[in-house]
All heavy atoms as atom14 arrays in JSON, in Angstrom:
{
  "sequence": "EAKQLCGACEGRVACLEYALANDERFGVWGGLSEKERGRLRRAQN",
  "atom14_mask": [
    [1, 1, 1, 1, 1, 1, 1, 1, 1, 0, 0, 0, 0, 0],
    [1, 1, 1, 1, 1, 0, 0, 0, 0, 0, 0, 0, 0, 0],
    [1, 1, 1, 1, 1, 1, 1, 1, 1, 0, 0, 0, 0, 0],
    [1, 1, 1, 1, 1, 1, 1, 1, 1, 0, 0, 0, 0, 0],
    [1, 1, 1, 1, 1, 1, 1, 1, 0, 0, 0, 0, 0, 0],
    [1, 1, 1, 1, 1, 1, 0, 0, 0, 0, 0, 0, 0, 0],
    [1, 1, 1, 1, 0, 0, 0, 0, 0, 0, 0, 0, 0, 0],
    [1, 1, 1, 1, 1, 0, 0, 0, 0, 0, 0, 0, 0, 0],
    [1, 1, 1, 1, 1, 1, 0, 0, 0, 0, 0, 0, 0, 0],
    [1, 1, 1, 1, 1, 1, 1, 1, 1, 0, 0, 0, 0, 0],
    [1, 1, 1, 1, 0, 0, 0, 0, 0, 0, 0, 0, 0, 0],
    [1, 1, 1, 1, 1, 1, 1, 1, 1, 1, 1, 0, 0, 0],
    [1, 1, 1, 1, 1, 1, 1, 0, 0, 0, 0, 0, 0, 0],
    [1, 1, 1, 1, 1, 0, 0, 0, 0, 0, 0, 0, 0, 0],
    [1, 1, 1, 1, 1, 1, 0, 0, 0, 0, 0, 0, 0, 0],
    [1, 1, 1, 1, 1, 1, 1, 1, 0, 0, 0, 0, 0, 0],
    [1, 1, 1, 1, 1, 1, 1, 1, 1, 0, 0, 0, 0, 0],
    [1, 1, 1, 1, 1, 1, 1, 1, 1, 1, 1, 1, 0, 0],
    [1, 1, 1, 1, 1, 0, 0, 0, 0, 0, 0, 0, 0, 0],
    [1, 1, 1, 1, 1, 1, 1, 1, 0, 0, 0, 0, 0, 0],
    [1, 1, 1, 1, 1, 0, 0, 0, 0, 0, 0, 0, 0, 0],
    [1, 1, 1, 1, 1, 1, 1, 1, 0, 0, 0, 0, 0, 0],
    [1, 1, 1, 1, 1, 1, 1, 1, 0, 0, 0, 0, 0, 0],
    [1, 1, 1, 1, 1, 1, 1, 1, 1, 0, 0, 0, 0, 0],
    [1, 1, 1, 1, 1, 1, 1, 1, 1, 1, 1, 0, 0, 0],
    [1, 1, 1, 1, 1, 1, 1, 1, 1, 1, 1, 0, 0, 0],
    [1, 1, 1, 1, 0, 0, 0, 0, 0, 0, 0, 0, 0, 0],
    [1, 1, 1, 1, 1, 1, 1, 0, 0, 0, 0, 0, 0, 0],
    [1, 1, 1, 1, 1, 1, 1, 1, 1, 1, 1, 1, 1, 1],
    [1, 1, 1, 1, 0, 0, 0, 0, 0, 0, 0, 0, 0, 0],
    [1, 1, 1, 1, 0, 0, 0, 0, 0, 0, 0, 0, 0, 0],
    [1, 1, 1, 1, 1, 1, 1, 1, 0, 0, 0, 0, 0, 0],
    [1, 1, 1, 1, 1, 1, 0, 0, 0, 0, 0, 0, 0, 0],
    [1, 1, 1, 1, 1, 1, 1, 1, 1, 0, 0, 0, 0, 0],
    [1, 1, 1, 1, 1, 1, 1, 1, 1, 0, 0, 0, 0, 0],
    [1, 1, 1, 1, 1, 1, 1, 1, 1, 0, 0, 0, 0, 0],
    [1, 1, 1, 1, 1, 1, 1, 1, 1, 1, 1, 0, 0, 0],
    [1, 1, 1, 1, 0, 0, 0, 0, 0, 0, 0, 0, 0, 0],
    [1, 1, 1, 1, 1, 1, 1, 1, 1, 1, 1, 0, 0, 0],
    [1, 1, 1, 1, 1, 1, 1, 1, 0, 0, 0, 0, 0, 0],
    [1, 1, 1, 1, 1, 1, 1, 1, 1, 1, 1, 0, 0, 0],
    [1, 1, 1, 1, 1, 1, 1, 1, 1, 1, 1, 0, 0, 0],
    [1, 1, 1, 1, 1, 0, 0, 0, 0, 0, 0, 0, 0, 0],
    [1, 1, 1, 1, 1, 1, 1, 1, 1, 0, 0, 0, 0, 0],
    [1, 1, 1, 1, 1, 1, 1, 1, 0, 0, 0, 0, 0, 0]
  ],
  "atom14_positions": [
    [[71.51, 74.74, 109.83], [70.33, 74.5, 109.2], [69.88, 75.48, 108.19], [69.4, 75.08, 107.12], [69.13, 74.34, 110.34], [69.23, 73.12, 111.14], [68.1, 73.07, 112.14], [66.92, 73.2, 111.71], [68.37, 72.81, 113.34], [0.0, 0.0, 0.0], [0.0, 0.0, 0.0], [0.0, 0.0, 0.0], [0.0, 0.0, 0.0], [0.0, 0.0, 0.0]],
    [[70.17, 76.69, 108.52], [69.93, 77.82, 107.55], [70.74, 77.65, 106.32], [70.28, 77.78, 105.17], [70.26, 79.13, 108.25], [0.0, 0.0, 0.0], [0.0, 0.0, 0.0], [0.0, 0.0, 0.0], [0.0, 0.0, 0.0], [0.0, 0.0, 0.0], [0.0, 0.0, 0.0], [0.0, 0.0, 0.0], [0.0, 0.0, 0.0], [0.0, 0.0, 0.0]],
    [[72.04, 77.28, 106.44], [72.94, 77.12, 105.29], [72.49, 75.93, 104.48], [72.53, 75.99, 103.23], [74.34, 76.88, 105.79], [74.92, 78.17, 106.41], [76.36, 77.86, 106.92], [77.01, 79.16, 107.53], [78.36, 78.85, 107.92], [0.0, 0.0, 0.0], [0.0, 0.0, 0.0], [0.0, 0.0, 0.0], [0.0, 0.0, 0.0], [0.0, 0.0, 0.0]],
    [[71.99, 74.97, 105.13], [71.42, 73.74, 104.41], [70.26, 74.16, 103.53], [70.18, 73.72, 102.43], [71.11, 72.62, 105.34], [70.73, 71.31, 104.67], [70.46, 70.19, 105.66], [70.42, 70.48, 106.87], [70.33, 69.04, 105.21], [0.0, 0.0, 0.0], [0.0, 0.0, 0.0], [0.0, 0.0, 0.0], [0.0, 0.0, 0.0], [0.0, 0.0, 0.0]],
    [[69.33, 74.91, 104.1], [68.21, 75.37, 103.32], [68.63, 76.31, 102.2], [68.14, 76.16, 101.09], [67.27, 76.15, 104.28], [65.86, 76.39, 103.75], [65.06, 75.07, 103.47], [65.0, 77.21, 104.72], [0.0, 0.0, 0.0], [0.0, 0.0, 0.0], [0.0, 0.0, 0.0], [0.0, 0.0, 0.0], [0.0, 0.0, 0.0], [0.0, 0.0, 0.0]],
    [[69.65, 77.13, 102.44], [70.1, 77.95, 101.43], [70.71, 77.2, 100.23], [70.58, 77.61, 99.09], [71.21, 78.93, 101.91], [70.61, 80.19, 103.07], [0.0, 0.0, 0.0], [0.0, 0.0, 0.0], [0.0, 0.0, 0.0], [0.0, 0.0, 0.0], [0.0, 0.0, 0.0], [0.0, 0.0, 0.0], [0.0, 0.0, 0.0], [0.0, 0.0, 0.0]],
    [[71.36, 76.14, 100.56], [71.99, 75.27, 99.53], [71.0, 74.72, 98.59], [71.27, 74.36, 97.45], [0.0, 0.0, 0.0], [0.0, 0.0, 0.0], [0.0, 0.0, 0.0], [0.0, 0.0, 0.0], [0.0, 0.0, 0.0], [0.0, 0.0, 0.0], [0.0, 0.0, 0.0], [0.0, 0.0, 0.0], [0.0, 0.0, 0.0], [0.0, 0.0, 0.0]],
    [[69.79, 74.53, 99.0], [68.66, 74.02, 98.16], [67.86, 75.05, 97.46], [66.94, 74.86, 96.7], [67.77, 73.16, 98.96], [0.0, 0.0, 0.0], [0.0, 0.0, 0.0], [0.0, 0.0, 0.0], [0.0, 0.0, 0.0], [0.0, 0.0, 0.0], [0.0, 0.0, 0.0], [0.0, 0.0, 0.0], [0.0, 0.0, 0.0], [0.0, 0.0, 0.0]],
    [[68.14, 76.38, 97.71], [67.38, 77.54, 97.26], [67.84, 78.04, 95.89], [69.05, 78.28, 95.74], [67.41, 78.6, 98.27], [66.33, 79.99, 97.82], [0.0, 0.0, 0.0], [0.0, 0.0, 0.0], [0.0, 0.0, 0.0], [0.0, 0.0, 0.0], [0.0, 0.0, 0.0], [0.0, 0.0, 0.0], [0.0, 0.0, 0.0], [0.0, 0.0, 0.0]],
    [[66.91, 78.16, 94.92], [67.22, 78.73, 93.67], [67.76, 80.19, 93.74], [68.46, 80.64, 92.84], [66.07, 78.65, 92.68], [65.58, 77.26, 92.36], [64.34, 77.28, 91.5], [63.96, 78.35, 91.02], [63.7, 76.21, 91.31], [0.0, 0.0, 0.0], [0.0, 0.0, 0.0], [0.0, 0.0, 0.0], [0.0, 0.0, 0.0], [0.0, 0.0, 0.0]],
    [[67.34, 80.89, 94.7], [67.68, 82.24, 94.8], [68.95, 82.57, 95.67], [69.31, 83.71, 95.83], [0.0, 0.0, 0.0], [0.0, 0.0, 0.0], [0.0, 0.0, 0.0], [0.0, 0.0, 0.0], [0.0, 0.0, 0.0], [0.0, 0.0, 0.0], [0.0, 0.0, 0.0], [0.0, 0.0, 0.0], [0.0, 0.0, 0.0], [0.0, 0.0, 0.0]],
    [[69.73, 81.49, 95.95], [70.94, 81.71, 96.87], [71.89, 82.67, 96.32], [72.38, 83.55, 97.02], [71.58, 80.37, 97.05], [72.74, 80.4, 98.03], [73.53, 79.05, 98.1], [74.24, 78.83, 96.89], [75.35, 79.46, 96.54], [75.91, 80.35, 97.31], [76.02, 79.2, 95.47], [0.0, 0.0, 0.0], [0.0, 0.0, 0.0], [0.0, 0.0, 0.0]],
    [[72.3, 82.62, 95.02], [73.24, 83.52, 94.46], [72.69, 85.0, 94.54], [73.49, 85.92, 94.85], [73.69, 83.1, 93.04], [74.54, 84.11, 92.39], [74.34, 81.69, 93.05], [0.0, 0.0, 0.0], [0.0, 0.0, 0.0], [0.0, 0.0, 0.0], [0.0, 0.0, 0.0], [0.0, 0.0, 0.0], [0.0, 0.0, 0.0], [0.0, 0.0, 0.0]],
    [[71.5, 85.12, 94.07], [70.91, 86.47, 94.05], [70.83, 87.03, 95.47], [71.14, 88.22, 95.73], [69.57, 86.5, 93.45], [0.0, 0.0, 0.0], [0.0, 0.0, 0.0], [0.0, 0.0, 0.0], [0.0, 0.0, 0.0], [0.0, 0.0, 0.0], [0.0, 0.0, 0.0], [0.0, 0.0, 0.0], [0.0, 0.0, 0.0], [0.0, 0.0, 0.0]],
    [[70.57, 86.21, 96.53], [70.52, 86.56, 97.9], [71.8, 87.0, 98.37], [71.93, 88.09, 99.01], [69.98, 85.39, 98.72], [69.9, 85.63, 100.43], [0.0, 0.0, 0.0], [0.0, 0.0, 0.0], [0.0, 0.0, 0.0], [0.0, 0.0, 0.0], [0.0, 0.0, 0.0], [0.0, 0.0, 0.0], [0.0, 0.0, 0.0], [0.0, 0.0, 0.0]],
    [[72.81, 86.17, 98.06], [74.19, 86.59, 98.5], [74.7, 87.86, 97.88], [75.2, 88.73, 98.5], [75.12, 85.45, 98.08], [76.63, 85.72, 98.46], [76.84, 86.0, 100.08], [77.46, 84.55, 98.07], [0.0, 0.0, 0.0], [0.0, 0.0, 0.0], [0.0, 0.0, 0.0], [0.0, 0.0, 0.0], [0.0, 0.0, 0.0], [0.0, 0.0, 0.0]],
    [[74.37, 88.08, 96.55], [74.7, 89.31, 95.88], [74.04, 90.45, 96.49], [74.64, 91.58, 96.69], [74.34, 89.21, 94.39], [75.31, 88.29, 93.62], [74.84, 88.04, 92.19], [73.7, 88.4, 91.81], [75.6, 87.41, 91.44], [0.0, 0.0, 0.0], [0.0, 0.0, 0.0], [0.0, 0.0, 0.0], [0.0, 0.0, 0.0], [0.0, 0.0, 0.0]],
    [[72.78, 90.29, 96.84], [72.0, 91.36, 97.56], [72.64, 91.74, 98.83], [72.81, 92.95, 99.2], [70.53, 90.93, 97.75], [69.79, 91.91, 98.57], [69.1, 93.07, 97.98], [69.65, 91.8, 99.93], [68.4, 93.97, 98.65], [68.93, 92.69, 100.69], [68.33, 93.77, 100.06], [67.65, 94.68, 100.81], [0.0, 0.0, 0.0], [0.0, 0.0, 0.0]],
    [[72.96, 90.77, 99.66], [73.51, 90.99, 100.92], [74.86, 91.64, 100.8], [75.17, 92.58, 101.57], [73.73, 89.66, 101.7], [0.0, 0.0, 0.0], [0.0, 0.0, 0.0], [0.0, 0.0, 0.0], [0.0, 0.0, 0.0], [0.0, 0.0, 0.0], [0.0, 0.0, 0.0], [0.0, 0.0, 0.0], [0.0, 0.0, 0.0], [0.0, 0.0, 0.0]],
    [[75.69, 91.36, 99.9], [77.03, 91.96, 99.69], [76.8, 93.4, 99.15], [77.56, 94.35, 99.68], [77.84, 91.17, 98.73], [78.27, 89.8, 99.2], [78.95, 89.03, 98.12], [79.24, 89.93, 100.4], [0.0, 0.0, 0.0], [0.0, 0.0, 0.0], [0.0, 0.0, 0.0], [0.0, 0.0, 0.0], [0.0, 0.0, 0.0], [0.0, 0.0, 0.0]],
    [[75.9, 93.59, 98.2], [75.67, 94.9, 97.71], [75.1, 95.87, 98.71], [75.33, 97.11, 98.64], [74.84, 94.82, 96.49], [0.0, 0.0, 0.0], [0.0, 0.0, 0.0], [0.0, 0.0, 0.0], [0.0, 0.0, 0.0], [0.0, 0.0, 0.0], [0.0, 0.0, 0.0], [0.0, 0.0, 0.0], [0.0, 0.0, 0.0], [0.0, 0.0, 0.0]],
    [[74.32, 95.33, 99.67], [73.64, 96.2, 100.67], [74.23, 96.14, 102.08], [73.7, 96.53, 102.99], [72.12, 95.83, 100.7], [71.47, 96.14, 99.42], [71.1, 97.31, 99.17], [71.23, 95.15, 98.53], [0.0, 0.0, 0.0], [0.0, 0.0, 0.0], [0.0, 0.0, 0.0], [0.0, 0.0, 0.0], [0.0, 0.0, 0.0], [0.0, 0.0, 0.0]],
    [[75.42, 95.51, 102.17], [76.16, 95.43, 103.38], [75.39, 94.9, 104.54], [75.37, 95.52, 105.64], [76.7, 96.82, 103.71], [77.89, 96.78, 104.67], [78.53, 95.63, 104.75], [78.18, 97.68, 105.46], [0.0, 0.0, 0.0], [0.0, 0.0, 0.0], [0.0, 0.0, 0.0], [0.0, 0.0, 0.0], [0.0, 0.0, 0.0], [0.0, 0.0, 0.0]],
    [[74.62, 93.81, 104.25], [73.91, 93.15, 105.33], [74.86, 92.58, 106.34], [75.71, 91.75, 105.99], [73.06, 92.03, 104.74], [71.84, 92.46, 103.93], [70.76, 93.09, 104.73], [70.78, 93.04, 105.99], [69.82, 93.73, 104.13], [0.0, 0.0, 0.0], [0.0, 0.0, 0.0], [0.0, 0.0, 0.0], [0.0, 0.0, 0.0], [0.0, 0.0, 0.0]],
    [[74.73, 92.99, 107.54], [75.78, 92.57, 108.56], [75.32, 91.49, 109.55], [76.09, 91.0, 110.33], [76.22, 93.81, 109.28], [76.79, 94.83, 108.44], [77.7, 95.8, 109.11], [78.24, 96.7, 108.06], [79.2, 97.56, 108.29], [79.66, 97.58, 109.56], [79.6, 98.25, 107.37], [0.0, 0.0, 0.0], [0.0, 0.0, 0.0], [0.0, 0.0, 0.0]],
    [[74.0, 91.11, 109.48], [73.58, 90.15, 110.43], [72.8, 89.08, 109.67], [72.22, 89.25, 108.66], [72.5, 90.86, 111.39], [73.23, 91.98, 112.17], [73.01, 93.27, 111.81], [74.04, 91.71, 113.23], [73.58, 94.31, 112.45], [74.63, 92.68, 113.92], [74.43, 94.05, 113.57], [0.0, 0.0, 0.0], [0.0, 0.0, 0.0], [0.0, 0.0, 0.0]],
    [[72.86, 87.78, 110.18], [72.1, 86.74, 109.67], [72.79, 86.0, 108.64], [73.93, 86.32, 108.09], [0.0, 0.0, 0.0], [0.0, 0.0, 0.0], [0.0, 0.0, 0.0], [0.0, 0.0, 0.0], [0.0, 0.0, 0.0], [0.0, 0.0, 0.0], [0.0, 0.0, 0.0], [0.0, 0.0, 0.0], [0.0, 0.0, 0.0], [0.0, 0.0, 0.0]],
    [[72.18, 84.91, 108.16], [72.65, 84.07, 107.12], [71.96, 84.61, 105.8], [70.76, 84.64, 105.71], [72.33, 82.58, 107.28], [72.61, 81.74, 106.1], [73.05, 82.09, 108.53], [0.0, 0.0, 0.0], [0.0, 0.0, 0.0], [0.0, 0.0, 0.0], [0.0, 0.0, 0.0], [0.0, 0.0, 0.0], [0.0, 0.0, 0.0], [0.0, 0.0, 0.0]],
    [[72.77, 84.92, 104.78], [72.3, 85.43, 103.52], [73.05, 84.66, 102.42], [74.23, 84.62, 102.42], [72.55, 86.92, 103.37], [71.75, 87.72, 104.19], [71.9, 88.09, 105.52], [70.54, 88.49, 103.81], [70.94, 88.89, 105.96], [70.07, 89.19, 104.96], [69.8, 88.56, 102.6], [68.92, 89.93, 104.89], [68.73, 89.38, 102.59], [68.2, 90.04, 103.77]],
    [[72.31, 84.08, 101.51], [72.91, 83.34, 100.44], [73.83, 82.15, 100.89], [74.77, 81.79, 100.21], [0.0, 0.0, 0.0], [0.0, 0.0, 0.0], [0.0, 0.0, 0.0], [0.0, 0.0, 0.0], [0.0, 0.0, 0.0], [0.0, 0.0, 0.0], [0.0, 0.0, 0.0], [0.0, 0.0, 0.0], [0.0, 0.0, 0.0], [0.0, 0.0, 0.0]],
    [[73.5, 81.63, 102.03], [74.26, 80.51, 102.54], [75.52, 80.82, 103.32], [76.25, 79.96, 103.75], [0.0, 0.0, 0.0], [0.0, 0.0, 0.0], [0.0, 0.0, 0.0], [0.0, 0.0, 0.0], [0.0, 0.0, 0.0], [0.0, 0.0, 0.0], [0.0, 0.0, 0.0], [0.0, 0.0, 0.0], [0.0, 0.0, 0.0], [0.0, 0.0, 0.0]],
    [[75.79, 82.08, 103.55], [76.98, 82.54, 104.28], [76.62, 83.32, 105.54], [75.65, 84.13, 105.52], [77.89, 83.47, 103.33], [78.48, 82.8, 102.18], [79.3, 83.79, 101.41], [79.15, 81.48, 102.46], [0.0, 0.0, 0.0], [0.0, 0.0, 0.0], [0.0, 0.0, 0.0], [0.0, 0.0, 0.0], [0.0, 0.0, 0.0], [0.0, 0.0, 0.0]],
    [[77.31, 83.16, 106.59], [77.17, 83.87, 107.81], [77.82, 85.26, 107.66], [78.45, 85.58, 106.69], [77.83, 83.13, 108.94], [79.25, 83.19, 108.82], [0.0, 0.0, 0.0], [0.0, 0.0, 0.0], [0.0, 0.0, 0.0], [0.0, 0.0, 0.0], [0.0, 0.0, 0.0], [0.0, 0.0, 0.0], [0.0, 0.0, 0.0], [0.0, 0.0, 0.0]],
    [[77.56, 86.06, 108.74], [78.17, 87.38, 108.8], [79.7, 87.31, 108.54], [80.25, 88.1, 107.72], [77.88, 88.11, 110.11], [76.48, 88.27, 110.46], [75.96, 87.15, 111.41], [76.61, 86.08, 111.46], [74.95, 87.44, 112.03], [0.0, 0.0, 0.0], [0.0, 0.0, 0.0], [0.0, 0.0, 0.0], [0.0, 0.0, 0.0], [0.0, 0.0, 0.0]],
    [[80.34, 86.48, 109.32], [81.82, 86.34, 109.21], [82.27, 85.87, 107.85], [83.25, 86.36, 107.3], [82.34, 85.33, 110.28], [82.22, 85.91, 111.68], [82.71, 84.92, 112.68], [82.67, 85.45, 114.08], [83.11, 84.49, 115.13], [0.0, 0.0, 0.0], [0.0, 0.0, 0.0], [0.0, 0.0, 0.0], [0.0, 0.0, 0.0], [0.0, 0.0, 0.0]],
    [[81.5, 84.91, 107.28], [81.88, 84.38, 105.94], [81.69, 85.49, 104.86], [82.59, 85.56, 103.99], [81.01, 83.17, 105.64], [81.37, 81.99, 106.51], [80.35, 80.9, 106.41], [79.08, 81.15, 106.21], [80.68, 79.74, 106.63], [0.0, 0.0, 0.0], [0.0, 0.0, 0.0], [0.0, 0.0, 0.0], [0.0, 0.0, 0.0], [0.0, 0.0, 0.0]],
    [[80.68, 86.22, 104.95], [80.55, 87.32, 103.98], [81.59, 88.39, 104.19], [82.04, 88.96, 103.22], [79.09, 88.03, 104.17], [77.99, 87.1, 103.6], [76.67, 87.88, 103.55], [76.26, 88.56, 104.73], [75.6, 88.1, 105.76], [75.36, 86.8, 105.8], [75.33, 88.87, 106.77], [0.0, 0.0, 0.0], [0.0, 0.0, 0.0], [0.0, 0.0, 0.0]],
    [[81.98, 88.71, 105.42], [83.09, 89.57, 105.64], [84.38, 89.16, 105.05], [85.08, 89.9, 104.35], [0.0, 0.0, 0.0], [0.0, 0.0, 0.0], [0.0, 0.0, 0.0], [0.0, 0.0, 0.0], [0.0, 0.0, 0.0], [0.0, 0.0, 0.0], [0.0, 0.0, 0.0], [0.0, 0.0, 0.0], [0.0, 0.0, 0.0], [0.0, 0.0, 0.0]],
    [[84.66, 87.84, 105.17], [85.88, 87.27, 104.58], [85.81, 87.39, 103.0], [86.82, 87.73, 102.38], [86.11, 85.76, 105.01], [86.64, 85.7, 106.42], [87.16, 84.33, 106.7], [86.0, 83.36, 106.79], [85.47, 82.97, 107.92], [85.86, 83.45, 109.06], [84.46, 82.06, 107.84], [0.0, 0.0, 0.0], [0.0, 0.0, 0.0], [0.0, 0.0, 0.0]],
    [[84.61, 87.08, 102.5], [84.49, 87.1, 101.03], [84.66, 88.57, 100.6], [85.29, 88.8, 99.55], [83.09, 86.57, 100.64], [82.74, 86.61, 99.19], [83.64, 85.81, 98.31], [81.26, 86.14, 98.96], [0.0, 0.0, 0.0], [0.0, 0.0, 0.0], [0.0, 0.0, 0.0], [0.0, 0.0, 0.0], [0.0, 0.0, 0.0], [0.0, 0.0, 0.0]],
    [[84.09, 89.55, 101.25], [84.21, 90.88, 100.86], [85.64, 91.32, 100.9], [86.12, 92.01, 100.01], [83.36, 91.74, 101.86], [83.14, 93.21, 101.41], [82.18, 93.97, 102.23], [80.85, 93.46, 102.21], [80.19, 92.89, 103.2], [80.85, 92.67, 104.33], [78.97, 92.45, 103.02], [0.0, 0.0, 0.0], [0.0, 0.0, 0.0], [0.0, 0.0, 0.0]],
    [[86.32, 91.01, 101.94], [87.75, 91.35, 102.04], [88.59, 90.74, 101.01], [89.45, 91.39, 100.37], [88.27, 91.01, 103.43], [87.83, 91.95, 104.52], [88.58, 91.66, 105.84], [88.28, 90.38, 106.42], [87.22, 90.05, 107.16], [86.28, 90.88, 107.32], [87.09, 88.84, 107.64], [0.0, 0.0, 0.0], [0.0, 0.0, 0.0], [0.0, 0.0, 0.0]],
    [[88.23, 89.44, 100.67], [89.02, 88.73, 99.53], [88.7, 89.47, 98.19], [89.67, 89.68, 97.44], [88.65, 87.29, 99.46], [0.0, 0.0, 0.0], [0.0, 0.0, 0.0], [0.0, 0.0, 0.0], [0.0, 0.0, 0.0], [0.0, 0.0, 0.0], [0.0, 0.0, 0.0], [0.0, 0.0, 0.0], [0.0, 0.0, 0.0], [0.0, 0.0, 0.0]],
    [[87.48, 89.84, 98.01], [87.11, 90.56, 96.74], [87.85, 91.88, 96.67], [88.32, 92.29, 95.56], [85.56, 90.76, 96.7], [84.89, 89.49, 96.35], [83.38, 89.77, 96.42], [82.79, 90.65, 97.07], [82.69, 88.85, 95.74], [0.0, 0.0, 0.0], [0.0, 0.0, 0.0], [0.0, 0.0, 0.0], [0.0, 0.0, 0.0], [0.0, 0.0, 0.0]],
    [[87.94, 92.58, 97.77], [88.69, 93.83, 97.8], [90.14, 93.71, 97.52], [90.72, 94.6, 96.8], [88.48, 94.56, 99.17], [87.0, 95.09, 99.32], [86.28, 95.21, 98.38], [86.62, 95.26, 100.57], [0.0, 0.0, 0.0], [0.0, 0.0, 0.0], [0.0, 0.0, 0.0], [0.0, 0.0, 0.0], [0.0, 0.0, 0.0], [0.0, 0.0, 0.0]]
  ]
}
């Protein structure tokens, strides 16, 4: 449900960028869960 709401949000990309830049480790940010952000971060590295 959180991811669905994020998908309709204009701020999704900025939210995800914020979460990655600030190492947010909990919750759904920018439409991604903690695990998904971790995978994205590792792929970027």
